[in-house]
Amino acid sequence: MIMKKPRWPMRAGALCFAAILGGRAGAAEVYPGCPVPPTTFNHIWYIDPVNGKTLAAGGLGTQAAPWNSLQAAFSVQPGYTTPLLSSAPYRHPNPANPANTFYPGGGPIQPGDEILLMSGNYGDISTSDWNVGLKNPAFLTIAAAPGQTPVLSFLAAVSSSYLVFSGIKVEGTADSSPVHARFPLVQVSGSPALPSSNLVFTNMRVSSADDTSGWTQAEWRARRRVIGISAQGGGNTTCVSVTNSHISNIEYGAAVSANNMLFSGNDIERFGDDGIDYNASNVLITKNYIHDGIYLDDGAHLRNPLISRTG
C-alpha cells in the first residue's frame, strides 16, 4: 500500500531496539518481580456490542447469548442491576448515607476469568468509580476474541488492580470525543488512598485515527489526541506493563511514569512531540521502535525527542 506523504515536514529519525510485534502467545511480559497474568481461566465470558443483549433482555455472557456492554462489567448500566464483575463496587441506596455507600457487585464475572470481546465499538470505558477504586484479588483478562476487532474510544484504568487488556484497539480524535480531547487514549493512574497496581496492556493498537496522511498541520493540531498511553502516579501506580503494542498518529506516544513499569516491544510512529516521556523508579524501556516524528509547528519541541525524561 502506498501512503500519501504529508504536504509539510515529517521527521524521519528512528530509534529501534528490535521491536517484536505479533499476536498473543503465552504469558504476558511484566516488570521483573511483578505478578504474571495467567494463560488459563476459570470461566470465559463473551460481549458483543452489535448482537449482544442486556442481562434483563436475556444476555447470558455465553458465546451464543453474549452481553452487549463492556462498561456493564464495571458499573451499573441500563438493563443491568449490578456490575457484571463481582469485585466492582457500585453505589447502592442507603437511607442512612445515600451519597457515599458502595457495595461489591453481585455479578457472575469473577477475578480469574476472561472476557472475550467481539468486533464493534464499545465507547468510553472506565474500570472504576474514580473515587472508590477496583480492588481485584486476581487478574481479570479482557481480550479480543480470535479474529475480532473490538474498538474503544477511551480506556481509563484508574485506582484499579489486576487487569489485563489484550488485542484491543483504542481510537478517537479530539473532535470526535470532546470530553476526553485532552485525556490520553489509555489512562492509568493511582492515588495514595486508591493506588493502582498490576495492570497489563499487550498487543494494543492506539491512535487518534488509522490514517492521517491527508491531514494538514492545522488538522493535526485540532484533531490529534495528546497522549497514546499514559501511566502516571509514581509509587501510587506500580507493576504496569505495556508490550507489543502499536501507538500512532498522536502528539506524545507514551508517558512511562509508574514505578516498576515495563515498556517493551512497542512501535511508536507519527508522533508530534515526544516518543516516550519517562519519570519514575525502576522503569524498564526496551526493544521499542520509535520512528517518523511529525513537526506540528505548535510551539512545542522543534525536534521530536525519541525518549525524554520529564520532571
C-alpha atoms as a PDB file:
ATOM      1  CA  MET A   1       0.000   0.000   0.000  1.00  0.00           C
ATOM      2  CA  ILE A   2       1.336   3.437  -0.928  1.00  0.00           C
ATOM      3  CA  MET A   3       0.877   6.086   1.768  1.00  0.00           C
ATOM      4  CA  LYS A   4       0.473   9.706   0.703  1.00  0.00           C
ATOM      5  CA  LYS A   5       3.198  11.954   2.058  1.00  0.00           C
ATOM      6  CA  PRO A   6       2.105  14.992   4.065  1.00  0.00           C
ATOM      7  CA  ARG A   7       2.479  18.408   2.452  1.00  0.00           C
ATOM      8  CA  TRP A   8       4.703  19.604   5.323  1.00  0.00           C
ATOM      9  CA  PRO A   9       7.828  18.389   7.146  1.00  0.00           C
ATOM     10  CA  MET A  10       7.995  15.000   8.798  1.00  0.00           C
ATOM     11  CA  ARG A  11      10.982  13.919  10.906  1.00  0.00           C
ATOM     12  CA  ALA A  12      12.396  10.656   9.670  1.00  0.00           C
ATOM     13  CA  GLY A  13      14.559   9.749  12.645  1.00  0.00           C
ATOM     14  CA  ALA A  14      14.139   6.359  14.252  1.00  0.00           C
ATOM     15  CA  LEU A  15      15.213   4.545  17.373  1.00  0.00           C
ATOM     16  CA  CYS A  16      14.930   0.809  17.109  1.00  0.00           C
ATOM     17  CA  PHE A  17      15.703  -1.942  19.586  1.00  0.00           C
ATOM     18  CA  ALA A  18      14.400  -4.895  17.596  1.00  0.00           C
ATOM     19  CA  ALA A  19      10.731  -4.394  18.298  1.00  0.00           C
ATOM     20  CA  ILE A  20       8.689  -7.564  18.024  1.00  0.00           C
ATOM     21  CA  LEU A  21       5.012  -7.108  17.215  1.00  0.00           C
ATOM     22  CA  GLY A  22       2.806 -10.100  16.981  1.00  0.00           C
ATOM     23  CA  GLY A  23      -0.221 -11.993  18.172  1.00  0.00           C
ATOM     24  CA  ARG A  24      -0.983 -13.071  21.671  1.00  0.00           C
ATOM     25  CA  ALA A  25       1.139 -16.037  22.663  1.00  0.00           C
ATOM     26  CA  GLY A  26       1.963 -17.339  26.095  1.00  0.00           C
ATOM     27  CA  ALA A  27       2.109 -15.315  29.277  1.00  0.00           C
ATOM     28  CA  ALA A  28       2.322 -11.532  29.038  1.00  0.00           C
ATOM     29  CA  GLU A  29       5.604  -9.884  29.974  1.00  0.00           C
ATOM     30  CA  VAL A  30       5.787  -7.878  33.199  1.00  0.00           C
ATOM     31  CA  TYR A  31       8.428  -5.953  35.119  1.00  0.00           C
ATOM     32  CA  PRO A  32      10.713  -8.418  36.980  1.00  0.00           C
ATOM     33  CA  GLY A  33       9.146  -9.431  40.267  1.00  0.00           C
ATOM     34  CA  CYS A  34       5.610  -8.346  39.377  1.00  0.00           C
ATOM     35  CA  PRO A  35       2.837 -10.979  39.208  1.00  0.00           C
ATOM     36  CA  VAL A  36       2.476 -12.700  35.826  1.00  0.00           C
ATOM     37  CA  PRO A  37      -1.054 -12.984  34.378  1.00  0.00           C
ATOM     38  CA  PRO A  38      -2.464 -16.467  33.792  1.00  0.00           C
ATOM     39  CA  THR A  39      -2.918 -18.112  30.407  1.00  0.00           C
ATOM     40  CA  THR A  40      -5.779 -20.346  31.537  1.00  0.00           C
ATOM     41  CA  PHE A  41      -9.028 -19.104  33.037  1.00  0.00           C
ATOM     42  CA  ASN A  42     -11.743 -20.252  35.391  1.00  0.00           C
ATOM     43  CA  HIS A  43     -14.525 -19.132  33.039  1.00  0.00           C
ATOM     44  CA  ILE A  44     -14.753 -17.358  29.673  1.00  0.00           C
ATOM     45  CA  TRP A  45     -17.437 -14.755  29.021  1.00  0.00           C
ATOM     46  CA  TYR A  46     -18.455 -13.042  25.768  1.00  0.00           C
ATOM     47  CA  ILE A  47     -19.521  -9.472  24.995  1.00  0.00           C
ATOM     48  CA  ASP A  48     -20.787  -8.296  21.619  1.00  0.00           C
ATOM     49  CA  PRO A  49     -21.874  -4.633  21.253  1.00  0.00           C
ATOM     50  CA  VAL A  50     -23.631  -5.357  17.948  1.00  0.00           C
ATOM     51  CA  ASN A  51     -25.515  -8.613  18.552  1.00  0.00           C
ATOM     52  CA  GLY A  52     -25.397  -8.948  22.335  1.00  0.00           C
ATOM     53  CA  LYS A  53     -28.215  -8.333  24.806  1.00  0.00           C
ATOM     54  CA  THR A  54     -28.513  -6.830  28.240  1.00  0.00           C
ATOM     55  CA  LEU A  55     -28.874  -9.086  31.239  1.00  0.00           C
ATOM     56  CA  ALA A  56     -32.526  -8.031  31.510  1.00  0.00           C
ATOM     57  CA  ALA A  57     -33.173  -8.914  27.855  1.00  0.00           C
ATOM     58  CA  GLY A  58     -31.709 -12.410  28.127  1.00  0.00           C
ATOM     59  CA  GLY A  59     -27.962 -11.924  27.692  1.00  0.00           C
ATOM     60  CA  LEU A  60     -26.097 -14.752  29.408  1.00  0.00           C
ATOM     61  CA  GLY A  61     -22.497 -13.876  28.619  1.00  0.00           C
ATOM     62  CA  THR A  62     -22.083 -17.040  26.566  1.00  0.00           C
ATOM     63  CA  GLN A  63     -20.820 -17.210  23.012  1.00  0.00           C
ATOM     64  CA  ALA A  64     -24.350 -18.000  21.842  1.00  0.00           C
ATOM     65  CA  ALA A  65     -26.000 -15.302  24.010  1.00  0.00           C
ATOM     66  CA  PRO A  66     -23.378 -12.610  24.713  1.00  0.00           C
ATOM     67  CA  TRP A  67     -23.893  -9.455  26.731  1.00  0.00           C
ATOM     68  CA  ASN A  68     -23.819  -6.113  24.903  1.00  0.00           C
ATOM     69  CA  SER A  69     -21.745  -3.815  27.181  1.00  0.00           C
ATOM     70  CA  LEU A  70     -18.184  -3.947  28.478  1.00  0.00           C
ATOM     71  CA  GLN A  71     -18.821  -0.968  30.767  1.00  0.00           C
ATOM     72  CA  ALA A  72     -21.515  -3.079  32.445  1.00  0.00           C
ATOM     73  CA  ALA A  73     -18.714  -5.220  33.873  1.00  0.00           C
ATOM     74  CA  PHE A  74     -17.522  -2.273  35.961  1.00  0.00           C
ATOM     75  CA  SER A  75     -20.614  -0.164  36.671  1.00  0.00           C
ATOM     76  CA  VAL A  76     -24.386  -0.428  36.566  1.00  0.00           C
ATOM     77  CA  GLN A  77     -25.705   0.205  33.051  1.00  0.00           C
ATOM     78  CA  PRO A  78     -29.254   0.258  31.616  1.00  0.00           C
ATOM     79  CA  GLY A  79     -30.528  -3.305  31.563  1.00  0.00           C
ATOM     80  CA  TYR A  80     -28.173  -4.404  34.354  1.00  0.00           C
ATOM     81  CA  THR A  81     -28.991  -4.276  38.072  1.00  0.00           C
ATOM     82  CA  THR A  82     -25.382  -4.577  39.333  1.00  0.00           C
ATOM     83  CA  PRO A  83     -21.952  -4.607  37.688  1.00  0.00           C
ATOM     84  CA  LEU A  84     -21.233  -7.907  35.952  1.00  0.00           C
ATOM     85  CA  LEU A  85     -17.863  -8.101  37.723  1.00  0.00           C
ATOM     86  CA  SER A  86     -18.329  -9.399  41.251  1.00  0.00           C
ATOM     87  CA  SER A  87     -15.491  -7.266  42.653  1.00  0.00           C
ATOM     88  CA  ALA A  88     -16.699  -3.973  41.098  1.00  0.00           C
ATOM     89  CA  PRO A  89     -18.292  -1.746  43.769  1.00  0.00           C
ATOM     90  CA  TYR A  90     -21.411   0.196  42.914  1.00  0.00           C
ATOM     91  CA  ARG A  91     -23.466   2.880  44.568  1.00  0.00           C
ATOM     92  CA  HIS A  92     -26.473   1.454  46.362  1.00  0.00           C
ATOM     93  CA  PRO A  93     -29.350   3.330  48.002  1.00  0.00           C
ATOM     94  CA  ASN A  94     -28.861   3.645  51.739  1.00  0.00           C
ATOM     95  CA  PRO A  95     -31.181   5.974  53.666  1.00  0.00           C
ATOM     96  CA  ALA A  96     -28.560   6.499  56.367  1.00  0.00           C
ATOM     97  CA  ASN A  97     -25.835   7.599  53.922  1.00  0.00           C
ATOM     98  CA  PRO A  98     -27.132   7.662  50.352  1.00  0.00           C
ATOM     99  CA  ALA A  99     -24.224   9.534  48.779  1.00  0.00           C
ATOM    100  CA  ASN A 100     -21.207   7.534  49.896  1.00  0.00           C
ATOM    101  CA  THR A 101     -22.221   3.905  50.273  1.00  0.00           C
ATOM    102  CA  PHE A 102     -20.788   1.376  47.827  1.00  0.00           C
ATOM    103  CA  TYR A 103     -21.242  -2.367  47.780  1.00  0.00           C
ATOM    104  CA  PRO A 104     -19.427  -5.105  45.841  1.00  0.00           C
ATOM    105  CA  GLY A 105     -21.212  -6.139  42.681  1.00  0.00           C
ATOM    106  CA  GLY A 106     -23.223  -9.322  42.600  1.00  0.00           C
ATOM    107  CA  GLY A 107     -22.423 -10.230  39.019  1.00  0.00           C
ATOM    108  CA  PRO A 108     -21.190 -13.572  37.684  1.00  0.00           C
ATOM    109  CA  ILE A 109     -17.742 -12.492  36.420  1.00  0.00           C
ATOM    110  CA  GLN A 110     -15.010 -13.365  38.900  1.00  0.00           C
ATOM    111  CA  PRO A 111     -11.313 -12.424  39.067  1.00  0.00           C
ATOM    112  CA  GLY A 112      -9.532 -15.296  37.357  1.00  0.00           C
ATOM    113  CA  ASP A 113     -11.993 -15.219  34.429  1.00  0.00           C
ATOM    114  CA  GLU A 114     -11.533 -13.948  30.882  1.00  0.00           C
ATOM    115  CA  ILE A 115     -13.848 -11.670  28.905  1.00  0.00           C
ATOM    116  CA  LEU A 116     -13.665 -12.052  25.117  1.00  0.00           C
ATOM    117  CA  LEU A 117     -14.782  -9.078  23.038  1.00  0.00           C
ATOM    118  CA  MET A 118     -16.387  -9.386  19.619  1.00  0.00           C
ATOM    119  CA  SER A 119     -15.984  -6.736  16.903  1.00  0.00           C
ATOM    120  CA  GLY A 120     -17.720  -3.406  17.362  1.00  0.00           C
ATOM    121  CA  ASN A 121     -17.409  -0.076  19.159  1.00  0.00           C
ATOM    122  CA  TYR A 122     -17.563  -0.211  22.949  1.00  0.00           C
ATOM    123  CA  GLY A 123     -17.304   3.548  23.553  1.00  0.00           C
ATOM    124  CA  ASP A 124     -15.577   5.009  26.608  1.00  0.00           C
ATOM    125  CA  ILE A 125     -14.569   2.502  29.287  1.00  0.00           C
ATOM    126  CA  SER A 126     -13.650   3.254  32.910  1.00  0.00           C
ATOM    127  CA  THR A 127     -12.775   0.326  35.146  1.00  0.00           C
ATOM    128  CA  SER A 128     -13.802   2.001  38.397  1.00  0.00           C
ATOM    129  CA  ASP A 129     -15.617   4.839  40.020  1.00  0.00           C
ATOM    130  CA  TRP A 130     -12.672   7.219  40.325  1.00  0.00           C
ATOM    131  CA  ASN A 131     -13.468   7.931  43.987  1.00  0.00           C
ATOM    132  CA  VAL A 132     -13.874   4.286  45.011  1.00  0.00           C
ATOM    133  CA  GLY A 133     -11.445   2.102  43.069  1.00  0.00           C
ATOM    134  CA  LEU A 134     -11.465  -1.506  41.916  1.00  0.00           C
ATOM    135  CA  LYS A 135      -9.552  -3.985  44.073  1.00  0.00           C
ATOM    136  CA  ASN A 136      -9.296  -7.314  42.316  1.00  0.00           C
ATOM    137  CA  PRO A 137      -7.599 -10.152  44.250  1.00  0.00           C
ATOM    138  CA  ALA A 138      -6.531 -11.847  40.992  1.00  0.00           C
ATOM    139  CA  PHE A 139      -6.211 -10.976  37.309  1.00  0.00           C
ATOM    140  CA  LEU A 140      -9.262 -10.422  35.142  1.00  0.00           C
ATOM    141  CA  THR A 141      -8.341 -10.670  31.454  1.00  0.00           C
ATOM    142  CA  ILE A 142     -10.185  -8.673  28.783  1.00  0.00           C
ATOM    143  CA  ALA A 143      -9.143  -9.649  25.267  1.00  0.00           C
ATOM    144  CA  ALA A 144     -10.203  -9.517  21.641  1.00  0.00           C
ATOM    145  CA  ALA A 145     -11.844 -12.766  20.639  1.00  0.00           C
ATOM    146  CA  PRO A 146      -9.923 -14.609  17.907  1.00  0.00           C
ATOM    147  CA  GLY A 147     -10.355 -12.832  14.577  1.00  0.00           C
ATOM    148  CA  GLN A 148     -12.314  -9.958  16.136  1.00  0.00           C
ATOM    149  CA  THR A 149     -11.559  -6.210  16.289  1.00  0.00           C
ATOM    150  CA  PRO A 150     -13.105  -4.552  19.333  1.00  0.00           C
ATOM    151  CA  VAL A 151     -12.679  -0.761  19.423  1.00  0.00           C
ATOM    152  CA  LEU A 152     -12.756   1.538  22.457  1.00  0.00           C
ATOM    153  CA  SER A 153     -12.809   5.325  22.200  1.00  0.00           C
ATOM    154  CA  PHE A 154     -11.206   5.784  25.650  1.00  0.00           C
ATOM    155  CA  LEU A 155      -9.852   3.458  28.331  1.00  0.00           C
ATOM    156  CA  ALA A 156      -9.266   4.541  31.931  1.00  0.00           C
ATOM    157  CA  ALA A 157      -7.808   2.057  34.401  1.00  0.00           C
ATOM    158  CA  VAL A 158      -7.698   4.354  37.412  1.00  0.00           C
ATOM    159  CA  SER A 159      -7.381   3.223  41.038  1.00  0.00           C
ATOM    160  CA  SER A 160      -7.655  -0.361  39.787  1.00  0.00           C
ATOM    161  CA  SER A 161      -5.703  -3.578  40.175  1.00  0.00           C
ATOM    162  CA  TYR A 162      -5.118  -6.913  38.452  1.00  0.00           C
ATOM    163  CA  LEU A 163      -6.445  -6.254  34.951  1.00  0.00           C
ATOM    164  CA  VAL A 164      -5.136  -7.447  31.575  1.00  0.00           C
ATOM    165  CA  PHE A 165      -6.137  -5.849  28.261  1.00  0.00           C
ATOM    166  CA  SER A 166      -5.047  -7.755  25.161  1.00  0.00           C
ATOM    167  CA  GLY A 167      -5.504  -7.217  21.422  1.00  0.00           C
ATOM    168  CA  ILE A 168      -7.825  -4.214  21.799  1.00  0.00           C
ATOM    169  CA  LYS A 169      -7.918  -1.107  19.619  1.00  0.00           C
ATOM    170  CA  VAL A 170      -8.353   2.305  21.280  1.00  0.00           C
ATOM    171  CA  GLU A 171      -9.001   5.096  18.794  1.00  0.00           C
ATOM    172  CA  GLY A 172     -10.599   8.528  18.726  1.00  0.00           C
ATOM    173  CA  THR A 173      -9.859  12.041  17.513  1.00  0.00           C
ATOM    174  CA  ALA A 174     -10.123  15.086  19.761  1.00  0.00           C
ATOM    175  CA  ASP A 175     -13.079  16.440  17.801  1.00  0.00           C
ATOM    176  CA  SER A 176     -14.949  13.117  17.965  1.00  0.00           C
ATOM    177  CA  SER A 177     -14.598  12.915  21.748  1.00  0.00           C
ATOM    178  CA  PRO A 178     -14.578  16.498  23.084  1.00  0.00           C
ATOM    179  CA  VAL A 179     -14.959  15.362  26.699  1.00  0.00           C
ATOM    180  CA  HIS A 180     -11.702  13.461  26.517  1.00  0.00           C
ATOM    181  CA  ALA A 181      -9.874  15.654  23.993  1.00  0.00           C
ATOM    182  CA  ARG A 182      -7.074  16.447  26.471  1.00  0.00           C
ATOM    183  CA  PHE A 183      -7.026  12.987  28.016  1.00  0.00           C
ATOM    184  CA  PRO A 184      -4.751  10.141  26.938  1.00  0.00           C
ATOM    185  CA  LEU A 185      -6.443   7.462  24.883  1.00  0.00           C
ATOM    186  CA  VAL A 186      -5.345   4.983  27.556  1.00  0.00           C
ATOM    187  CA  GLN A 187      -5.069   6.479  31.029  1.00  0.00           C
ATOM    188  CA  VAL A 188      -3.580   4.683  34.043  1.00  0.00           C
ATOM    189  CA  SER A 189      -3.168   6.341  37.420  1.00  0.00           C
ATOM    190  CA  GLY A 190      -3.470   5.886  41.159  1.00  0.00           C
ATOM    191  CA  SER A 191      -3.501   7.969  44.321  1.00  0.00           C
ATOM    192  CA  PRO A 192      -2.194   7.415  47.869  1.00  0.00           C
ATOM    193  CA  ALA A 193      -5.687   6.479  49.043  1.00  0.00           C
ATOM    194  CA  LEU A 194      -6.598   4.491  45.937  1.00  0.00           C
ATOM    195  CA  PRO A 195      -3.460   3.066  44.287  1.00  0.00           C
ATOM    196  CA  SER A 196      -3.280   1.132  41.036  1.00  0.00           C
ATOM    197  CA  SER A 197      -1.196  -1.984  40.504  1.00  0.00           C
ATOM    198  CA  ASN A 198      -0.694  -4.988  38.251  1.00  0.00           C
ATOM    199  CA  LEU A 199      -2.151  -3.581  35.049  1.00  0.00           C
ATOM    200  CA  VAL A 200      -1.109  -5.224  31.794  1.00  0.00           C
ATOM    201  CA  PHE A 201      -1.630  -3.924  28.244  1.00  0.00           C
ATOM    202  CA  THR A 202      -0.416  -6.104  25.408  1.00  0.00           C
ATOM    203  CA  ASN A 203      -0.937  -6.183  21.635  1.00  0.00           C
ATOM    204  CA  MET A 204      -2.891  -2.933  21.813  1.00  0.00           C
ATOM    205  CA  ARG A 205      -3.493  -0.606  18.861  1.00  0.00           C
ATOM    206  CA  VAL A 206      -3.738   3.026  19.976  1.00  0.00           C
ATOM    207  CA  SER A 207      -4.163   6.036  17.670  1.00  0.00           C
ATOM    208  CA  SER A 208      -6.101   9.224  17.006  1.00  0.00           C
ATOM    209  CA  ALA A 209      -7.093   7.725  13.648  1.00  0.00           C
ATOM    210  CA  ASP A 210      -5.883   4.903  11.433  1.00  0.00           C
ATOM    211  CA  ASP A 211      -4.869   7.138   8.539  1.00  0.00           C
ATOM    212  CA  THR A 212      -3.812  10.765   8.957  1.00  0.00           C
ATOM    213  CA  SER A 213      -1.769  11.004   5.768  1.00  0.00           C
ATOM    214  CA  GLY A 214      -4.098  13.670   4.340  1.00  0.00           C
ATOM    215  CA  TRP A 215      -4.203  15.849   7.458  1.00  0.00           C
ATOM    216  CA  THR A 216      -2.705  19.328   7.256  1.00  0.00           C
ATOM    217  CA  GLN A 217      -0.739  20.745  10.191  1.00  0.00           C
ATOM    218  CA  ALA A 218      -3.852  22.660  11.266  1.00  0.00           C
ATOM    219  CA  GLU A 219      -5.910  19.468  11.189  1.00  0.00           C
ATOM    220  CA  TRP A 220      -3.242  17.675  13.211  1.00  0.00           C
ATOM    221  CA  ARG A 221      -3.263  20.353  15.878  1.00  0.00           C
ATOM    222  CA  ALA A 222      -7.067  20.289  16.059  1.00  0.00           C
ATOM    223  CA  ARG A 223      -7.717  16.564  15.834  1.00  0.00           C
ATOM    224  CA  ARG A 224      -4.800  14.622  17.342  1.00  0.00           C
ATOM    225  CA  ARG A 225      -5.121  13.198  20.831  1.00  0.00           C
ATOM    226  CA  VAL A 226      -2.435  14.348  23.231  1.00  0.00           C
ATOM    227  CA  ILE A 227      -1.050  11.035  24.549  1.00  0.00           C
ATOM    228  CA  GLY A 228      -1.418   7.457  23.395  1.00  0.00           C
ATOM    229  CA  ILE A 229      -0.799   5.582  26.663  1.00  0.00           C
ATOM    230  CA  SER A 230      -0.138   7.347  29.955  1.00  0.00           C
ATOM    231  CA  ALA A 231       0.758   5.573  33.214  1.00  0.00           C
ATOM    232  CA  GLN A 232       1.074   8.153  35.992  1.00  0.00           C
ATOM    233  CA  GLY A 233       1.334   8.104  39.750  1.00  0.00           C
ATOM    234  CA  GLY A 234       4.879   7.030  40.612  1.00  0.00           C
ATOM    235  CA  GLY A 235       4.671   4.894  43.757  1.00  0.00           C
ATOM    236  CA  ASN A 236       0.876   5.057  43.707  1.00  0.00           C
ATOM    237  CA  THR A 237       0.846   3.215  40.383  1.00  0.00           C
ATOM    238  CA  THR A 238       3.033   0.099  40.254  1.00  0.00           C
ATOM    239  CA  CYS A 239       3.627  -3.011  38.162  1.00  0.00           C
ATOM    240  CA  VAL A 240       2.276  -1.669  34.870  1.00  0.00           C
ATOM    241  CA  SER A 241       3.359  -3.225  31.586  1.00  0.00           C
ATOM    242  CA  VAL A 242       2.804  -2.106  28.001  1.00  0.00           C
ATOM    243  CA  THR A 243       4.161  -4.604  25.489  1.00  0.00           C
ATOM    244  CA  ASN A 244       3.996  -5.452  21.793  1.00  0.00           C
ATOM    245  CA  SER A 245       1.643  -2.577  21.047  1.00  0.00           C
ATOM    246  CA  HIS A 246       1.335  -0.042  18.219  1.00  0.00           C
ATOM    247  CA  ILE A 247       0.890   3.667  19.044  1.00  0.00           C
ATOM    248  CA  SER A 248       0.495   6.056  16.135  1.00  0.00           C
ATOM    249  CA  ASN A 249      -0.848   9.396  14.904  1.00  0.00           C
ATOM    250  CA  ILE A 250      -0.592  11.048  18.293  1.00  0.00           C
ATOM    251  CA  GLU A 251       1.191  14.014  19.905  1.00  0.00           C
ATOM    252  CA  TYR A 252       3.063  12.155  22.669  1.00  0.00           C
ATOM    253  CA  GLY A 253       3.472   8.422  22.229  1.00  0.00           C
ATOM    254  CA  ALA A 254       3.625   7.320  25.854  1.00  0.00           C
ATOM    255  CA  ALA A 255       4.165   8.588  29.394  1.00  0.00           C
ATOM    256  CA  VAL A 256       6.066   5.951  31.359  1.00  0.00           C
ATOM    257  CA  SER A 257       5.679   7.305  34.893  1.00  0.00           C
ATOM    258  CA  ALA A 258       4.685   4.363  37.070  1.00  0.00           C
ATOM    259  CA  ASN A 259       7.125   2.597  39.356  1.00  0.00           C
ATOM    260  CA  ASN A 260       8.197  -0.929  38.399  1.00  0.00           C
ATOM    261  CA  MET A 261       6.970  -0.429  34.849  1.00  0.00           C
ATOM    262  CA  LEU A 262       7.854  -2.357  31.703  1.00  0.00           C
ATOM    263  CA  PHE A 263       7.514  -0.682  28.291  1.00  0.00           C
ATOM    264  CA  SER A 264       8.810  -3.143  25.723  1.00  0.00           C
ATOM    265  CA  GLY A 265       8.439  -4.258  22.123  1.00  0.00           C
ATOM    266  CA  ASN A 266       6.222  -1.334  21.126  1.00  0.00           C
ATOM    267  CA  ASP A 267       6.064   0.519  17.801  1.00  0.00           C
ATOM    268  CA  ILE A 268       5.552   4.304  18.081  1.00  0.00           C
ATOM    269  CA  GLU A 269       5.224   6.244  14.845  1.00  0.00           C
ATOM    270  CA  ARG A 270       3.888   9.546  13.501  1.00  0.00           C
ATOM    271  CA  PHE A 271       4.068  11.425  16.785  1.00  0.00           C
ATOM    272  CA  GLY A 272       4.133  15.221  17.036  1.00  0.00           C
ATOM    273  CA  ASP A 273       6.196  15.762  20.187  1.00  0.00           C
ATOM    274  CA  ASP A 274       7.997  13.127  22.321  1.00  0.00           C
ATOM    275  CA  GLY A 275       8.031   9.440  21.525  1.00  0.00           C
ATOM    276  CA  ILE A 276       8.366   8.398  25.181  1.00  0.00           C
ATOM    277  CA  ASP A 277       8.441  10.532  28.327  1.00  0.00           C
ATOM    278  CA  TYR A 278       9.581   8.783  31.497  1.00  0.00           C
ATOM    279  CA  ASN A 279       9.820   9.807  35.132  1.00  0.00           C
ATOM    280  CA  ALA A 280       9.577   7.068  37.760  1.00  0.00           C
ATOM    281  CA  SER A 281      11.615   4.497  39.659  1.00  0.00           C
ATOM    282  CA  ASN A 282      12.508   1.050  38.332  1.00  0.00           C
ATOM    283  CA  VAL A 283      11.431   1.591  34.735  1.00  0.00           C
ATOM    284  CA  LEU A 284      12.462  -0.848  32.005  1.00  0.00           C
ATOM    285  CA  ILE A 285      12.192   0.558  28.464  1.00  0.00           C
ATOM    286  CA  THR A 286      13.473  -1.907  25.893  1.00  0.00           C
ATOM    287  CA  LYS A 287      13.080  -3.183  22.318  1.00  0.00           C
ATOM    288  CA  ASN A 288      10.849  -0.329  21.144  1.00  0.00           C
ATOM    289  CA  TYR A 289      10.771   1.034  17.585  1.00  0.00           C
ATOM    290  CA  ILE A 290      10.255   4.823  17.574  1.00  0.00           C
ATOM    291  CA  HIS A 291      10.159   6.490  14.171  1.00  0.00           C
ATOM    292  CA  ASP A 292       8.697   9.089  11.791  1.00  0.00           C
ATOM    293  CA  GLY A 293       8.025  12.008  14.085  1.00  0.00           C
ATOM    294  CA  ILE A 294       5.913  14.854  12.688  1.00  0.00           C
ATOM    295  CA  TYR A 295       6.615  18.583  13.027  1.00  0.00           C
ATOM    296  CA  LEU A 296       3.353  20.229  14.138  1.00  0.00           C
ATOM    297  CA  ASP A 297       4.651  23.800  14.487  1.00  0.00           C
ATOM    298  CA  ASP A 298       2.606  24.174  17.682  1.00  0.00           C
ATOM    299  CA  GLY A 299       5.183  25.811  19.929  1.00  0.00           C
ATOM    300  CA  ALA A 300       6.352  22.530  21.449  1.00  0.00           C
ATOM    301  CA  HIS A 301       9.662  20.858  20.625  1.00  0.00           C
ATOM    302  CA  LEU A 302      11.279  21.936  17.389  1.00  0.00           C
ATOM    303  CA  ARG A 303      12.564  18.407  17.111  1.00  0.00           C
ATOM    304  CA  ASN A 304      10.870  15.241  18.267  1.00  0.00           C
ATOM    305  CA  PRO A 305      12.831  13.641  21.135  1.00  0.00           C
ATOM    306  CA  LEU A 306      12.583   9.892  20.836  1.00  0.00           C
ATOM    307  CA  ILE A 307      12.887   9.419  24.608  1.00  0.00           C
ATOM    308  CA  SER A 308      12.693  12.274  27.100  1.00  0.00           C
ATOM    309  CA  ARG A 309      12.956  12.322  30.881  1.00  0.00           C
ATOM    310  CA  THR A 310      10.418  14.649  32.490  1.00  0.00           C
ATOM    311  CA  GLY A 311      10.378  16.207  35.962  1.00  0.00           C
END
